[in-house]
N, C-alpha and C. Protein backbone atom coordinates (compact mmCIF):
# COMPACT_ATOMS: atom_id res chain seq x y z
N MET A 1 -55.72 27.77 126.37
CA MET A 1 -55.40 28.90 126.61
C MET A 1 -55.21 30.19 125.43
N MET A 2 -55.45 31.08 125.12
CA MET A 2 -55.60 32.32 124.36
C MET A 2 -53.84 32.71 124.10
N ALA A 3 -53.53 32.97 122.50
CA ALA A 3 -52.14 33.36 122.78
C ALA A 3 -52.03 34.69 122.22
N GLN A 4 -51.08 35.33 123.20
CA GLN A 4 -50.66 36.49 123.41
C GLN A 4 -50.35 37.20 122.18
N ARG A 5 -50.58 38.91 122.34
CA ARG A 5 -50.42 39.51 120.88
C ARG A 5 -49.28 40.33 121.22
N LYS A 6 -48.45 40.86 120.30
CA LYS A 6 -47.45 41.31 120.45
C LYS A 6 -47.88 42.92 120.59
N LYS A 7 -47.21 43.60 121.32
CA LYS A 7 -47.64 45.44 121.63
C LYS A 7 -47.72 45.74 120.34
N SER A 8 -47.15 45.72 119.34
CA SER A 8 -47.23 46.07 117.88
C SER A 8 -48.31 45.72 117.41
N ASP A 9 -49.24 44.74 117.75
CA ASP A 9 -50.09 44.21 116.99
C ASP A 9 -51.69 44.87 117.57
N LEU A 10 -51.26 45.59 118.62
CA LEU A 10 -52.42 46.12 119.51
C LEU A 10 -53.21 46.86 118.48
N PRO A 11 -54.48 47.18 118.68
CA PRO A 11 -54.86 48.75 118.06
C PRO A 11 -54.81 49.96 118.62
N SER A 12 -54.47 51.14 118.11
CA SER A 12 -54.08 52.10 118.67
C SER A 12 -54.78 53.68 118.04
N LYS A 13 -55.15 54.46 118.71
CA LYS A 13 -55.46 55.52 118.07
C LYS A 13 -54.70 56.98 118.34
N ILE A 14 -54.95 57.99 117.36
CA ILE A 14 -54.42 59.05 117.86
C ILE A 14 -54.77 59.95 119.02
N CYS A 15 -54.60 60.45 119.75
CA CYS A 15 -55.35 61.42 120.62
C CYS A 15 -54.80 63.30 119.97
N PRO A 16 -56.67 63.52 119.90
CA PRO A 16 -56.66 64.88 119.25
C PRO A 16 -56.04 66.14 119.83
N VAL A 17 -55.82 66.08 121.34
CA VAL A 17 -55.08 67.25 122.05
C VAL A 17 -53.80 67.19 121.98
N CYS A 18 -53.09 65.92 121.68
CA CYS A 18 -51.58 65.99 121.88
C CYS A 18 -51.08 65.43 120.54
N ASP A 19 -51.95 64.84 119.99
CA ASP A 19 -51.50 64.38 118.39
C ASP A 19 -50.61 63.05 118.76
N ARG A 20 -50.31 62.61 119.81
CA ARG A 20 -49.50 61.40 120.04
C ARG A 20 -50.33 60.41 120.13
N PRO A 21 -49.93 59.19 119.06
CA PRO A 21 -50.50 57.79 119.48
C PRO A 21 -50.75 56.87 120.52
N PHE A 22 -51.89 56.25 120.92
CA PHE A 22 -51.83 55.49 122.33
C PHE A 22 -52.17 54.37 121.81
N SER A 23 -51.92 53.23 122.47
CA SER A 23 -51.94 51.82 121.92
C SER A 23 -53.36 51.32 123.29
N TRP A 24 -53.96 50.00 122.97
CA TRP A 24 -55.02 49.35 123.83
C TRP A 24 -54.62 49.27 125.26
N ARG A 25 -55.38 49.29 126.04
CA ARG A 25 -55.00 48.73 127.36
C ARG A 25 -55.97 47.82 127.91
N ALA A 26 -55.45 46.92 128.35
CA ALA A 26 -56.60 45.74 129.20
C ALA A 26 -57.64 46.36 129.88
N ARG A 27 -57.21 47.56 130.49
CA ARG A 27 -58.80 48.13 131.08
C ARG A 27 -59.49 48.48 130.76
N TRP A 28 -59.28 49.16 129.25
CA TRP A 28 -60.18 49.65 128.37
C TRP A 28 -60.61 48.76 127.54
N LYS A 29 -60.54 47.65 127.64
CA LYS A 29 -61.23 46.53 126.76
C LYS A 29 -62.73 46.64 126.39
N ASN A 30 -63.48 46.78 127.98
CA ASN A 30 -65.27 47.14 127.26
C ASN A 30 -65.45 48.37 126.70
N GLN A 31 -64.77 49.58 126.58
CA GLN A 31 -64.99 50.76 126.67
C GLN A 31 -63.91 50.92 125.24
N TRP A 32 -63.28 50.70 124.64
CA TRP A 32 -61.77 51.21 123.30
C TRP A 32 -62.89 51.86 122.45
N ASP A 33 -64.18 51.64 121.92
CA ASP A 33 -64.65 52.36 121.38
C ASP A 33 -64.96 53.60 121.34
N GLU A 34 -65.44 53.72 122.89
CA GLU A 34 -65.43 54.90 123.38
C GLU A 34 -64.07 55.82 123.95
N ILE A 35 -63.07 55.36 123.84
CA ILE A 35 -61.93 55.95 123.92
C ILE A 35 -61.37 57.36 123.48
N VAL A 36 -61.47 58.56 123.57
CA VAL A 36 -60.90 59.54 122.50
C VAL A 36 -59.48 59.94 123.22
N TYR A 37 -59.10 60.16 124.36
CA TYR A 37 -58.21 61.09 124.83
C TYR A 37 -56.65 59.89 125.70
N CYS A 38 -55.88 60.06 124.90
CA CYS A 38 -54.86 59.07 125.52
C CYS A 38 -54.64 59.22 127.45
N SER A 39 -55.18 59.95 128.28
CA SER A 39 -54.56 60.33 129.52
C SER A 39 -55.55 61.03 130.12
N LYS A 40 -55.81 61.23 131.28
CA LYS A 40 -56.70 61.95 132.24
C LYS A 40 -56.17 63.67 132.27
N ARG A 41 -54.68 64.04 131.79
CA ARG A 41 -54.44 65.23 131.23
C ARG A 41 -54.87 65.95 129.92
N CYS A 42 -54.97 64.82 129.16
CA CYS A 42 -55.19 65.23 127.95
C CYS A 42 -57.06 65.40 127.93
N SER A 43 -57.97 64.69 128.49
CA SER A 43 -59.13 64.89 128.69
C SER A 43 -59.44 66.25 129.24
N GLY A 44 -58.63 66.61 130.63
CA GLY A 44 -59.04 67.48 131.21
C GLY A 44 -58.47 68.94 130.23
N GLN A 45 -57.42 68.61 128.99
CA GLN A 45 -57.13 70.12 128.57
C GLN A 45 -58.07 69.60 126.92
N ARG A 46 -58.99 69.17 127.33
CA ARG A 46 -59.67 69.24 125.42
C ARG A 46 -60.28 70.74 125.48
N TRP A 47 -60.39 71.41 126.30
CA TRP A 47 -60.98 72.82 126.32
C TRP A 47 -59.72 73.78 125.15
N ARG A 48 -58.51 73.38 125.36
CA ARG A 48 -57.45 73.94 124.87
C ARG A 48 -57.48 73.84 123.05
N LEU A 49 -57.83 72.20 122.81
CA LEU A 49 -58.23 72.00 121.51
C LEU A 49 -59.31 72.55 120.63
N LYS A 50 -60.56 73.09 121.37
CA LYS A 50 -61.49 74.07 120.96
C LYS A 50 -61.14 75.66 120.65
N GLN A 51 -59.94 76.15 121.61
CA GLN A 51 -59.58 77.15 121.55
C GLN A 51 -58.57 77.54 120.27
N ALA A 52 -57.82 76.34 120.11
CA ALA A 52 -56.85 76.36 119.39
C ALA A 52 -57.32 75.91 117.63
N ASP A 53 -58.34 75.28 117.35
CA ASP A 53 -58.73 74.69 115.94
C ASP A 53 -59.95 73.98 116.27
N PRO A 54 -60.91 74.99 116.65
CA PRO A 54 -62.35 74.33 116.47
C PRO A 54 -62.52 73.48 115.05
N GLU A 55 -62.06 73.52 114.08
CA GLU A 55 -62.34 72.27 113.26
C GLU A 55 -61.94 70.55 113.50
N LYS A 56 -60.88 70.78 114.64
CA LYS A 56 -60.48 69.76 115.35
C LYS A 56 -61.13 68.79 116.29
N ARG A 57 -62.24 69.50 116.76
CA ARG A 57 -63.10 68.86 117.92
C ARG A 57 -63.42 67.26 117.16
N THR A 58 -63.71 66.97 118.80
CA THR A 58 -64.23 65.50 118.23
C THR A 58 -65.52 65.54 118.92
């Protein structure tokens, strides 16, 4: 049986829209490298990022 990790040991990223950190989730295990936004809301508001600061786009 595999040892469980603490939440603090999980990988995390910074959302480019809201600038908040978000942690790895089990449902993202196969696509963690492709995940950019912390939520559907931020994914839908990525156009705001382009308007606010064009250099900060991903």
